[in-house]
């Protein structure tokens, strides 16, 4: 069983975590949802399209203008409160590596802390434990937040992924986070080159075998772009192909920009593997 806030999920549920960026410089949407009302419109849209969770971020992952703790809180906490008011039962995640931000967004109504930088601030897991929040433990190879990988090397990239993510997950549980509320993420593109990201995708069954639910954040990322030689705006097909494979290999949660397309992709995979019936089956019956 997987639990976030008041929601619980079956082991065969495939969940979509919709990305909502409250940043002016996101690599994908270029600030389209930085404005408060635009971001709220985005939440309404993704919920209607089939998102199970929303993941709100106040700082882009890539290098750029410094965002202080106070500014990140200002971008996220009031918005979390507005989303919670509009959607009382929606699972709300916040993408942050800072414990102070985690505390603020919990007070505003967040259910999950998405730690995309691999426990850089060990206090973030402590916040999750204190407030019975969910926690995403992501592999970033020890990289400092908001830095790009440079000639990074691993003897075995998946071994490093397992050591770090499972270690963070076990630490979180030891602190008091509910085991059913912890997931691990291989961290595509984080502390990795394209070949590393492809390898961790191919070897997802090894992550699944740990028993921790696996989240993947694949949407329009550089490893897709480099694989197919496509710019950011032309990576949807590659993203959905990788989503299909990742779902088949056992990933449970998919952080995505394109919600309607991802929902159809995951529904098709679920039907093919026998955990979801077709929406209709009239062919050959009339």
C-alpha atoms as a PDB file:
ATOM      1  CA  UNK A   1       0.000   0.000   0.000  1.00  0.00           C
ATOM      2  CA  UNK A   2       1.091   3.548  -0.765  1.00  0.00           C
ATOM      3  CA  UNK A   3      -0.234   6.457   1.309  1.00  0.00           C
ATOM      4  CA  UNK A   4      -0.023  10.198   0.740  1.00  0.00           C
ATOM      5  CA  UNK A   5      -2.007  12.352   3.144  1.00  0.00           C
ATOM      6  CA  UNK A   6      -5.499  10.884   3.407  1.00  0.00           C
ATOM      7  CA  UNK A   7      -5.225   8.959   0.129  1.00  0.00           C
ATOM      8  CA  UNK A   8      -4.148   5.350  -0.223  1.00  0.00           C
ATOM      9  CA  UNK A   9      -3.335   3.522  -3.446  1.00  0.00           C
ATOM     10  CA  UNK A  10      -3.274  -0.099  -4.576  1.00  0.00           C
ATOM     11  CA  UNK A  11      -0.013  -1.707  -5.615  1.00  0.00           C
ATOM     12  CA  UNK A  12      -1.065  -1.763  -9.274  1.00  0.00           C
ATOM     13  CA  UNK A  13      -2.181   1.880  -9.486  1.00  0.00           C
ATOM     14  CA  UNK A  14      -0.137   3.993 -11.909  1.00  0.00           C
ATOM     15  CA  UNK A  15      -0.109   7.570 -10.650  1.00  0.00           C
ATOM     16  CA  UNK A  16       0.586  10.850 -12.401  1.00  0.00           C
ATOM     17  CA  UNK A  17       2.311  13.651 -10.529  1.00  0.00           C
ATOM     18  CA  UNK A  18       1.607  16.818 -12.522  1.00  0.00           C
ATOM     19  CA  UNK A  19       4.309  19.481 -12.632  1.00  0.00           C
ATOM     20  CA  UNK A  20       3.254  23.017 -11.682  1.00  0.00           C
ATOM     21  CA  UNK A  21       6.188  25.431 -11.788  1.00  0.00           C
ATOM     22  CA  UNK A  22       5.937  28.691  -9.891  1.00  0.00           C
ATOM     23  CA  UNK A  23       9.153  29.829 -11.499  1.00  0.00           C
ATOM     24  CA  UNK A  24       9.840  32.447 -14.183  1.00  0.00           C
ATOM     25  CA  UNK A  25      12.551  30.392 -15.868  1.00  0.00           C
ATOM     26  CA  UNK A  26      11.512  26.737 -16.085  1.00  0.00           C
ATOM     27  CA  UNK A  27      13.268  24.849 -18.888  1.00  0.00           C
ATOM     28  CA  UNK A  28       9.962  23.559 -20.270  1.00  0.00           C
ATOM     29  CA  UNK A  29       7.209  26.120 -19.779  1.00  0.00           C
ATOM     30  CA  UNK A  30       9.436  29.219 -19.680  1.00  0.00           C
ATOM     31  CA  UNK A  31       7.480  30.806 -16.856  1.00  0.00           C
ATOM     32  CA  UNK A  32       3.995  30.111 -18.209  1.00  0.00           C
ATOM     33  CA  UNK A  33       2.699  29.308 -14.708  1.00  0.00           C
ATOM     34  CA  UNK A  34       4.811  31.719 -12.670  1.00  0.00           C
ATOM     35  CA  UNK A  35       1.858  34.069 -12.209  1.00  0.00           C
ATOM     36  CA  UNK A  36      -0.389  32.940  -9.349  1.00  0.00           C
ATOM     37  CA  UNK A  37      -3.618  32.771 -11.343  1.00  0.00           C
ATOM     38  CA  UNK A  38      -1.958  31.035 -14.290  1.00  0.00           C
ATOM     39  CA  UNK A  39      -0.578  28.416 -11.925  1.00  0.00           C
ATOM     40  CA  UNK A  40      -4.000  27.889 -10.387  1.00  0.00           C
ATOM     41  CA  UNK A  41      -5.509  27.489 -13.858  1.00  0.00           C
ATOM     42  CA  UNK A  42      -2.851  24.861 -14.525  1.00  0.00           C
ATOM     43  CA  UNK A  43      -3.897  22.909 -11.433  1.00  0.00           C
ATOM     44  CA  UNK A  44      -7.531  22.905 -12.533  1.00  0.00           C
ATOM     45  CA  UNK A  45      -6.438  21.721 -15.994  1.00  0.00           C
ATOM     46  CA  UNK A  46      -4.225  18.858 -14.819  1.00  0.00           C
ATOM     47  CA  UNK A  47      -6.802  17.589 -12.355  1.00  0.00           C
ATOM     48  CA  UNK A  48      -9.397  17.521 -15.129  1.00  0.00           C
ATOM     49  CA  UNK A  49      -6.938  15.632 -17.347  1.00  0.00           C
ATOM     50  CA  UNK A  50      -6.352  12.875 -14.818  1.00  0.00           C
ATOM     51  CA  UNK A  51      -3.500  13.898 -12.505  1.00  0.00           C
ATOM     52  CA  UNK A  52      -3.419  12.110  -9.147  1.00  0.00           C
ATOM     53  CA  UNK A  53      -0.987  14.508  -7.483  1.00  0.00           C
ATOM     54  CA  UNK A  54       0.370  17.964  -8.214  1.00  0.00           C
ATOM     55  CA  UNK A  55       4.028  18.809  -7.615  1.00  0.00           C
ATOM     56  CA  UNK A  56       4.635  22.506  -7.000  1.00  0.00           C
ATOM     57  CA  UNK A  57       8.113  23.926  -7.443  1.00  0.00           C
ATOM     58  CA  UNK A  58       9.466  27.349  -6.592  1.00  0.00           C
ATOM     59  CA  UNK A  59      13.037  26.969  -7.870  1.00  0.00           C
ATOM     60  CA  UNK A  60      14.096  25.547 -11.217  1.00  0.00           C
ATOM     61  CA  UNK A  61      16.521  22.641 -11.041  1.00  0.00           C
ATOM     62  CA  UNK A  62      19.093  24.115 -13.423  1.00  0.00           C
ATOM     63  CA  UNK A  63      21.589  26.864 -12.580  1.00  0.00           C
ATOM     64  CA  UNK A  64      20.198  30.377 -12.662  1.00  0.00           C
ATOM     65  CA  UNK A  65      19.320  33.372 -10.569  1.00  0.00           C
ATOM     66  CA  UNK A  66      19.611  32.728  -6.832  1.00  0.00           C
ATOM     67  CA  UNK A  67      16.320  32.119  -5.057  1.00  0.00           C
ATOM     68  CA  UNK A  68      16.472  32.676  -1.310  1.00  0.00           C
ATOM     69  CA  UNK A  69      14.607  30.562   1.208  1.00  0.00           C
ATOM     70  CA  UNK A  70      12.196  33.441   1.808  1.00  0.00           C
ATOM     71  CA  UNK A  71      11.493  33.826  -1.909  1.00  0.00           C
ATOM     72  CA  UNK A  72      10.967  30.094  -2.391  1.00  0.00           C
ATOM     73  CA  UNK A  73       8.496  30.063   0.496  1.00  0.00           C
ATOM     74  CA  UNK A  74       6.688  33.056  -0.971  1.00  0.00           C
ATOM     75  CA  UNK A  75       6.380  31.293  -4.330  1.00  0.00           C
ATOM     76  CA  UNK A  76       5.111  28.021  -2.866  1.00  0.00           C
ATOM     77  CA  UNK A  77       3.371  28.267   0.508  1.00  0.00           C
ATOM     78  CA  UNK A  78       0.562  30.725  -0.370  1.00  0.00           C
ATOM     79  CA  UNK A  79      -0.033  28.808  -3.585  1.00  0.00           C
ATOM     80  CA  UNK A  80      -0.242  25.488  -1.736  1.00  0.00           C
ATOM     81  CA  UNK A  81      -2.845  27.062   0.542  1.00  0.00           C
ATOM     82  CA  UNK A  82      -4.892  28.182  -2.469  1.00  0.00           C
ATOM     83  CA  UNK A  83      -4.707  24.756  -4.094  1.00  0.00           C
ATOM     84  CA  UNK A  84      -5.723  23.092  -0.848  1.00  0.00           C
ATOM     85  CA  UNK A  85      -8.736  25.403  -0.584  1.00  0.00           C
ATOM     86  CA  UNK A  86      -9.764  24.688  -4.177  1.00  0.00           C
ATOM     87  CA  UNK A  87      -9.118  20.920  -3.966  1.00  0.00           C
ATOM     88  CA  UNK A  88      -9.528  19.665  -0.389  1.00  0.00           C
ATOM     89  CA  UNK A  89      -8.750  16.038  -1.308  1.00  0.00           C
ATOM     90  CA  UNK A  90      -5.980  16.548  -3.858  1.00  0.00           C
ATOM     91  CA  UNK A  91      -2.536  15.225  -2.920  1.00  0.00           C
ATOM     92  CA  UNK A  92      -0.126  18.164  -2.983  1.00  0.00           C
ATOM     93  CA  UNK A  93       3.626  17.696  -3.291  1.00  0.00           C
ATOM     94  CA  UNK A  94       6.287  20.389  -3.141  1.00  0.00           C
ATOM     95  CA  UNK A  95       9.604  20.067  -4.960  1.00  0.00           C
ATOM     96  CA  UNK A  96      12.241  21.451  -2.564  1.00  0.00           C
ATOM     97  CA  UNK A  97      15.510  20.480  -0.927  1.00  0.00           C
ATOM     98  CA  UNK A  98      15.186  22.958   1.978  1.00  0.00           C
ATOM     99  CA  UNK A  99      13.816  22.027   5.399  1.00  0.00           C
ATOM    100  CA  UNK A 100      12.569  25.562   6.043  1.00  0.00           C
ATOM    101  CA  UNK A 101      10.481  25.426   2.891  1.00  0.00           C
ATOM    102  CA  UNK A 102       9.200  21.984   3.844  1.00  0.00           C
ATOM    103  CA  UNK A 103       7.977  23.309   7.171  1.00  0.00           C
ATOM    104  CA  UNK A 104       6.253  26.290   5.542  1.00  0.00           C
ATOM    105  CA  UNK A 105       4.456  24.272   2.878  1.00  0.00           C
ATOM    106  CA  UNK A 106       3.294  21.718   5.446  1.00  0.00           C
ATOM    107  CA  UNK A 107       1.642  24.544   7.368  1.00  0.00           C
ATOM    108  CA  UNK A 108      -0.021  25.619   4.107  1.00  0.00           C
ATOM    109  CA  UNK A 109      -1.435  22.151   3.419  1.00  0.00           C
ATOM    110  CA  UNK A 110       1.145  20.074   1.502  1.00  0.00           C
ATOM    111  CA  UNK A 111       1.160  16.277   1.851  1.00  0.00           C
ATOM    112  CA  UNK A 112       4.465  15.273   0.223  1.00  0.00           C
ATOM    113  CA  UNK A 113       8.020  16.635   0.054  1.00  0.00           C
ATOM    114  CA  UNK A 114       9.752  15.843  -3.236  1.00  0.00           C
ATOM    115  CA  UNK A 115      13.458  15.988  -2.390  1.00  0.00           C
ATOM    116  CA  UNK A 116      14.994  16.058  -5.853  1.00  0.00           C
ATOM    117  CA  UNK A 117      18.539  16.667  -4.574  1.00  0.00           C
ATOM    118  CA  UNK A 118      19.140  13.476  -2.667  1.00  0.00           C
ATOM    119  CA  UNK A 119      18.970  14.561   0.957  1.00  0.00           C
ATOM    120  CA  UNK A 120      21.219  17.604   0.536  1.00  0.00           C
ATOM    121  CA  UNK A 121      19.464  19.115   3.552  1.00  0.00           C
ATOM    122  CA  UNK A 122      19.042  16.238   6.033  1.00  0.00           C
ATOM    123  CA  UNK A 123      16.475  18.317   7.890  1.00  0.00           C
ATOM    124  CA  UNK A 124      13.919  17.861   5.124  1.00  0.00           C
ATOM    125  CA  UNK A 125      13.316  14.218   6.068  1.00  0.00           C
ATOM    126  CA  UNK A 126      12.985  15.335   9.671  1.00  0.00           C
ATOM    127  CA  UNK A 127      10.190  17.706   8.649  1.00  0.00           C
ATOM    128  CA  UNK A 128       8.437  14.860   6.829  1.00  0.00           C
ATOM    129  CA  UNK A 129       8.709  12.678   9.928  1.00  0.00           C
ATOM    130  CA  UNK A 130       7.508  15.417  12.260  1.00  0.00           C
ATOM    131  CA  UNK A 131       4.370  16.068  10.237  1.00  0.00           C
ATOM    132  CA  UNK A 132       3.557  12.590   8.845  1.00  0.00           C
ATOM    133  CA  UNK A 133       4.276  13.707   5.280  1.00  0.00           C
ATOM    134  CA  UNK A 134       5.241  11.639   2.284  1.00  0.00           C
ATOM    135  CA  UNK A 135       8.819  11.827   1.037  1.00  0.00           C
ATOM    136  CA  UNK A 136      10.433  11.271  -2.367  1.00  0.00           C
ATOM    137  CA  UNK A 137      14.069  10.167  -2.035  1.00  0.00           C
ATOM    138  CA  UNK A 138      15.874  10.997  -5.270  1.00  0.00           C
ATOM    139  CA  UNK A 139      19.325  10.099  -6.539  1.00  0.00           C
ATOM    140  CA  UNK A 140      21.452  13.076  -7.544  1.00  0.00           C
ATOM    141  CA  UNK A 141      24.856  11.464  -7.095  1.00  0.00           C
ATOM    142  CA  UNK A 142      25.805  13.852  -4.309  1.00  0.00           C
ATOM    143  CA  UNK A 143      25.540  16.850  -6.629  1.00  0.00           C
ATOM    144  CA  UNK A 144      25.002  20.275  -5.126  1.00  0.00           C
ATOM    145  CA  UNK A 145      21.511  21.638  -5.823  1.00  0.00           C
ATOM    146  CA  UNK A 146      21.104  23.501  -9.093  1.00  0.00           C
ATOM    147  CA  UNK A 147      24.319  22.246 -10.667  1.00  0.00           C
ATOM    148  CA  UNK A 148      24.687  20.361 -13.934  1.00  0.00           C
ATOM    149  CA  UNK A 149      26.624  17.096 -14.172  1.00  0.00           C
ATOM    150  CA  UNK A 150      30.133  17.499 -15.548  1.00  0.00           C
ATOM    151  CA  UNK A 151      32.060  14.408 -16.641  1.00  0.00           C
ATOM    152  CA  UNK A 152      30.384  12.429 -13.865  1.00  0.00           C
ATOM    153  CA  UNK A 153      31.435   8.785 -13.642  1.00  0.00           C
ATOM    154  CA  UNK A 154      30.181   5.725 -11.797  1.00  0.00           C
ATOM    155  CA  UNK A 155      31.636   2.240 -11.556  1.00  0.00           C
ATOM    156  CA  UNK A 156      27.995   1.104 -11.560  1.00  0.00           C
ATOM    157  CA  UNK A 157      25.409   3.874 -11.777  1.00  0.00           C
ATOM    158  CA  UNK A 158      22.506   1.719 -10.590  1.00  0.00           C
ATOM    159  CA  UNK A 159      24.494   0.502  -7.585  1.00  0.00           C
ATOM    160  CA  UNK A 160      25.039   4.135  -6.592  1.00  0.00           C
ATOM    161  CA  UNK A 161      21.355   4.901  -7.162  1.00  0.00           C
ATOM    162  CA  UNK A 162      20.314   2.040  -4.906  1.00  0.00           C
ATOM    163  CA  UNK A 163      22.832   2.860  -2.196  1.00  0.00           C
ATOM    164  CA  UNK A 164      21.800   6.478  -1.959  1.00  0.00           C
ATOM    165  CA  UNK A 165      18.022   6.257  -2.461  1.00  0.00           C
ATOM    166  CA  UNK A 166      17.469   3.220  -0.279  1.00  0.00           C
ATOM    167  CA  UNK A 167      19.765   4.726   2.324  1.00  0.00           C
ATOM    168  CA  UNK A 168      17.720   7.941   2.365  1.00  0.00           C
ATOM    169  CA  UNK A 169      14.466   5.969   2.486  1.00  0.00           C
ATOM    170  CA  UNK A 170      15.637   3.859   5.420  1.00  0.00           C
ATOM    171  CA  UNK A 171      16.886   6.951   7.234  1.00  0.00           C
ATOM    172  CA  UNK A 172      13.491   8.608   6.747  1.00  0.00           C
ATOM    173  CA  UNK A 173      11.680   5.611   8.203  1.00  0.00           C
ATOM    174  CA  UNK A 174      14.097   5.550  11.144  1.00  0.00           C
ATOM    175  CA  UNK A 175      13.231   9.201  11.770  1.00  0.00           C
ATOM    176  CA  UNK A 176       9.536   8.345  11.840  1.00  0.00           C
ATOM    177  CA  UNK A 177       8.247   8.751   8.288  1.00  0.00           C
ATOM    178  CA  UNK A 178       5.612   6.120   7.514  1.00  0.00           C
ATOM    179  CA  UNK A 179       7.221   3.418   5.356  1.00  0.00           C
ATOM    180  CA  UNK A 180       4.092   3.445   3.178  1.00  0.00           C
ATOM    181  CA  UNK A 181       4.676   7.129   2.416  1.00  0.00           C
ATOM    182  CA  UNK A 182       8.258   6.898   1.107  1.00  0.00           C
ATOM    183  CA  UNK A 183       9.175   6.442  -2.559  1.00  0.00           C
ATOM    184  CA  UNK A 184      12.485   6.359  -4.401  1.00  0.00           C
ATOM    185  CA  UNK A 185      13.421   8.109  -7.660  1.00  0.00           C
ATOM    186  CA  UNK A 186      16.459   7.262  -9.837  1.00  0.00           C
ATOM    187  CA  UNK A 187      16.801  10.951 -10.721  1.00  0.00           C
ATOM    188  CA  UNK A 188      17.024  10.973 -14.506  1.00  0.00           C
ATOM    189  CA  UNK A 189      19.472  13.702 -15.647  1.00  0.00           C
ATOM    190  CA  UNK A 190      20.372  14.572 -12.029  1.00  0.00           C
ATOM    191  CA  UNK A 191      24.064  13.837 -11.540  1.00  0.00           C
ATOM    192  CA  UNK A 192      23.993  11.753 -14.709  1.00  0.00           C
ATOM    193  CA  UNK A 193      24.785  11.917 -18.378  1.00  0.00           C
ATOM    194  CA  UNK A 194      22.403  10.560 -21.010  1.00  0.00           C
ATOM    195  CA  UNK A 195      23.901   7.066 -20.994  1.00  0.00           C
ATOM    196  CA  UNK A 196      23.487   6.888 -17.224  1.00  0.00           C
ATOM    197  CA  UNK A 197      19.814   7.875 -17.464  1.00  0.00           C
ATOM    198  CA  UNK A 198      19.204   5.260 -20.152  1.00  0.00           C
ATOM    199  CA  UNK A 199      20.893   2.592 -18.059  1.00  0.00           C
ATOM    200  CA  UNK A 200      18.881   3.325 -14.916  1.00  0.00           C
ATOM    201  CA  UNK A 201      15.712   3.138 -17.019  1.00  0.00           C
ATOM    202  CA  UNK A 202      16.699  -0.242 -18.422  1.00  0.00           C
ATOM    203  CA  UNK A 203      17.490  -1.477 -14.905  1.00  0.00           C
ATOM    204  CA  UNK A 204      14.370  -0.196 -13.154  1.00  0.00           C
ATOM    205  CA  UNK A 205      13.398  -3.745 -12.103  1.00  0.00           C
ATOM    206  CA  UNK A 206      16.369  -3.669  -9.739  1.00  0.00           C
ATOM    207  CA  UNK A 207      14.911  -0.614  -8.036  1.00  0.00           C
ATOM    208  CA  UNK A 208      11.460  -2.151  -7.934  1.00  0.00           C
ATOM    209  CA  UNK A 209      12.927  -5.275  -6.341  1.00  0.00           C
ATOM    210  CA  UNK A 210      13.946  -3.232  -3.275  1.00  0.00           C
ATOM    211  CA  UNK A 211      10.263  -3.056  -2.310  1.00  0.00           C
ATOM    212  CA  UNK A 212      10.166   0.751  -2.293  1.00  0.00           C
ATOM    213  CA  UNK A 213       7.681   2.303  -4.752  1.00  0.00           C
ATOM    214  CA  UNK A 214       9.526   3.905  -7.664  1.00  0.00           C
ATOM    215  CA  UNK A 215       8.823   7.373  -9.045  1.00  0.00           C
ATOM    216  CA  UNK A 216      10.294   8.496 -12.352  1.00  0.00           C
ATOM    217  CA  UNK A 217      10.592  12.054 -13.615  1.00  0.00           C
ATOM    218  CA  UNK A 218      11.095  11.659 -17.361  1.00  0.00           C
ATOM    219  CA  UNK A 219       9.108  14.456 -18.898  1.00  0.00           C
ATOM    220  CA  UNK A 220      10.865  16.239 -21.777  1.00  0.00           C
ATOM    221  CA  UNK A 221      14.260  15.764 -20.168  1.00  0.00           C
ATOM    222  CA  UNK A 222      17.658  16.159 -21.794  1.00  0.00           C
ATOM    223  CA  UNK A 223      18.350  12.434 -21.993  1.00  0.00           C
ATOM    224  CA  UNK A 224      15.257  12.114 -24.202  1.00  0.00           C
ATOM    225  CA  UNK A 225      16.334  15.087 -26.276  1.00  0.00           C
ATOM    226  CA  UNK A 226      19.869  13.783 -26.763  1.00  0.00           C
ATOM    227  CA  UNK A 227      18.671  10.262 -27.546  1.00  0.00           C
ATOM    228  CA  UNK A 228      16.386  11.464 -30.328  1.00  0.00           C
ATOM    229  CA  UNK A 229      18.179  14.731 -31.157  1.00  0.00           C
ATOM    230  CA  UNK A 230      15.083  16.786 -30.403  1.00  0.00           C
ATOM    231  CA  UNK A 231      14.693  20.212 -28.718  1.00  0.00           C
ATOM    232  CA  UNK A 232      12.576  20.666 -25.601  1.00  0.00           C
ATOM    233  CA  UNK A 233       9.332  21.249 -27.477  1.00  0.00           C
ATOM    234  CA  UNK A 234       9.660  18.036 -29.509  1.00  0.00           C
ATOM    235  CA  UNK A 235      10.310  15.412 -26.808  1.00  0.00           C
ATOM    236  CA  UNK A 236       6.796  14.203 -26.054  1.00  0.00           C
ATOM    237  CA  UNK A 237       6.970  11.022 -28.164  1.00  0.00           C
ATOM    238  CA  UNK A 238      10.256   9.997 -26.586  1.00  0.00           C
ATOM    239  CA  UNK A 239       8.919  10.821 -23.145  1.00  0.00           C
ATOM    240  CA  UNK A 240       5.828   8.667 -23.650  1.00  0.00           C
ATOM    241  CA  UNK A 241       7.884   5.780 -25.023  1.00  0.00           C
ATOM    242  CA  UNK A 242      10.076   5.905 -21.921  1.00  0.00           C
ATOM    243  CA  UNK A 243       6.986   6.214 -19.737  1.00  0.00           C
ATOM    244  CA  UNK A 244       5.522   3.054 -21.272  1.00  0.00           C
ATOM    245  CA  UNK A 245       8.704   1.074 -20.728  1.00  0.00           C
ATOM    246  CA  UNK A 246       9.106   2.380 -17.180  1.00  0.00           C
ATOM    247  CA  UNK A 247       5.535   1.447 -16.298  1.00  0.00           C
ATOM    248  CA  UNK A 248       5.986  -2.029 -17.750  1.00  0.00           C
ATOM    249  CA  UNK A 249       9.179  -2.444 -15.724  1.00  0.00           C
ATOM    250  CA  UNK A 250       7.406  -1.549 -12.496  1.00  0.00           C
ATOM    251  CA  UNK A 251       7.570   2.202 -11.874  1.00  0.00           C
ATOM    252  CA  UNK A 252       4.525   3.450  -9.980  1.00  0.00           C
ATOM    253  CA  UNK A 253       4.517   7.267 -10.138  1.00  0.00           C
ATOM    254  CA  UNK A 254       5.208   9.449 -13.184  1.00  0.00           C
ATOM    255  CA  UNK A 255       6.082  13.128 -12.821  1.00  0.00           C
ATOM    256  CA  UNK A 256       4.888  14.761 -16.021  1.00  0.00           C
ATOM    257  CA  UNK A 257       4.064  17.937 -17.926  1.00  0.00           C
ATOM    258  CA  UNK A 258       1.696  16.398 -20.515  1.00  0.00           C
ATOM    259  CA  UNK A 259      -1.032  14.908 -18.365  1.00  0.00           C
ATOM    260  CA  UNK A 260      -3.710  13.802 -20.853  1.00  0.00           C
ATOM    261  CA  UNK A 261      -1.152  12.020 -23.026  1.00  0.00           C
ATOM    262  CA  UNK A 262       0.535  10.416 -20.026  1.00  0.00           C
ATOM    263  CA  UNK A 263      -2.833   9.243 -18.658  1.00  0.00           C
ATOM    264  CA  UNK A 264      -3.674   7.489 -21.930  1.00  0.00           C
ATOM    265  CA  UNK A 265      -0.217   5.937 -22.078  1.00  0.00           C
ATOM    266  CA  UNK A 266      -0.430   4.560 -18.539  1.00  0.00           C
ATOM    267  CA  UNK A 267      -4.000   3.323 -19.036  1.00  0.00           C
ATOM    268  CA  UNK A 268      -2.895   1.436 -22.138  1.00  0.00           C
ATOM    269  CA  UNK A 269       0.024  -0.162 -20.288  1.00  0.00           C
ATOM    270  CA  UNK A 270      -2.240  -1.100 -17.370  1.00  0.00           C
ATOM    271  CA  UNK A 271      -4.708  -2.755 -19.735  1.00  0.00           C
ATOM    272  CA  UNK A 272      -2.003  -4.649 -21.583  1.00  0.00           C
ATOM    273  CA  UNK A 273      -0.616  -6.044 -18.344  1.00  0.00           C
ATOM    274  CA  UNK A 274      -4.091  -7.032 -17.164  1.00  0.00           C
ATOM    275  CA  UNK A 275      -4.721  -4.638 -14.274  1.00  0.00           C
ATOM    276  CA  UNK A 276      -7.262  -2.399 -16.045  1.00  0.00           C
ATOM    277  CA  UNK A 277     -10.144  -3.459 -18.325  1.00  0.00           C
ATOM    278  CA  UNK A 278     -10.637  -1.730 -21.684  1.00  0.00           C
ATOM    279  CA  UNK A 279     -12.972   1.250 -21.520  1.00  0.00           C
ATOM    280  CA  UNK A 280     -15.248  -0.586 -23.987  1.00  0.00           C
ATOM    281  CA  UNK A 281     -15.150  -3.893 -25.859  1.00  0.00           C
ATOM    282  CA  UNK A 282     -17.742  -3.811 -28.620  1.00  0.00           C
ATOM    283  CA  UNK A 283     -15.555  -4.817 -31.567  1.00  0.00           C
ATOM    284  CA  UNK A 284     -16.599  -8.170 -32.980  1.00  0.00           C
ATOM    285  CA  UNK A 285     -19.748  -8.379 -30.847  1.00  0.00           C
ATOM    286  CA  UNK A 286     -22.270  -6.749 -33.185  1.00  0.00           C
END
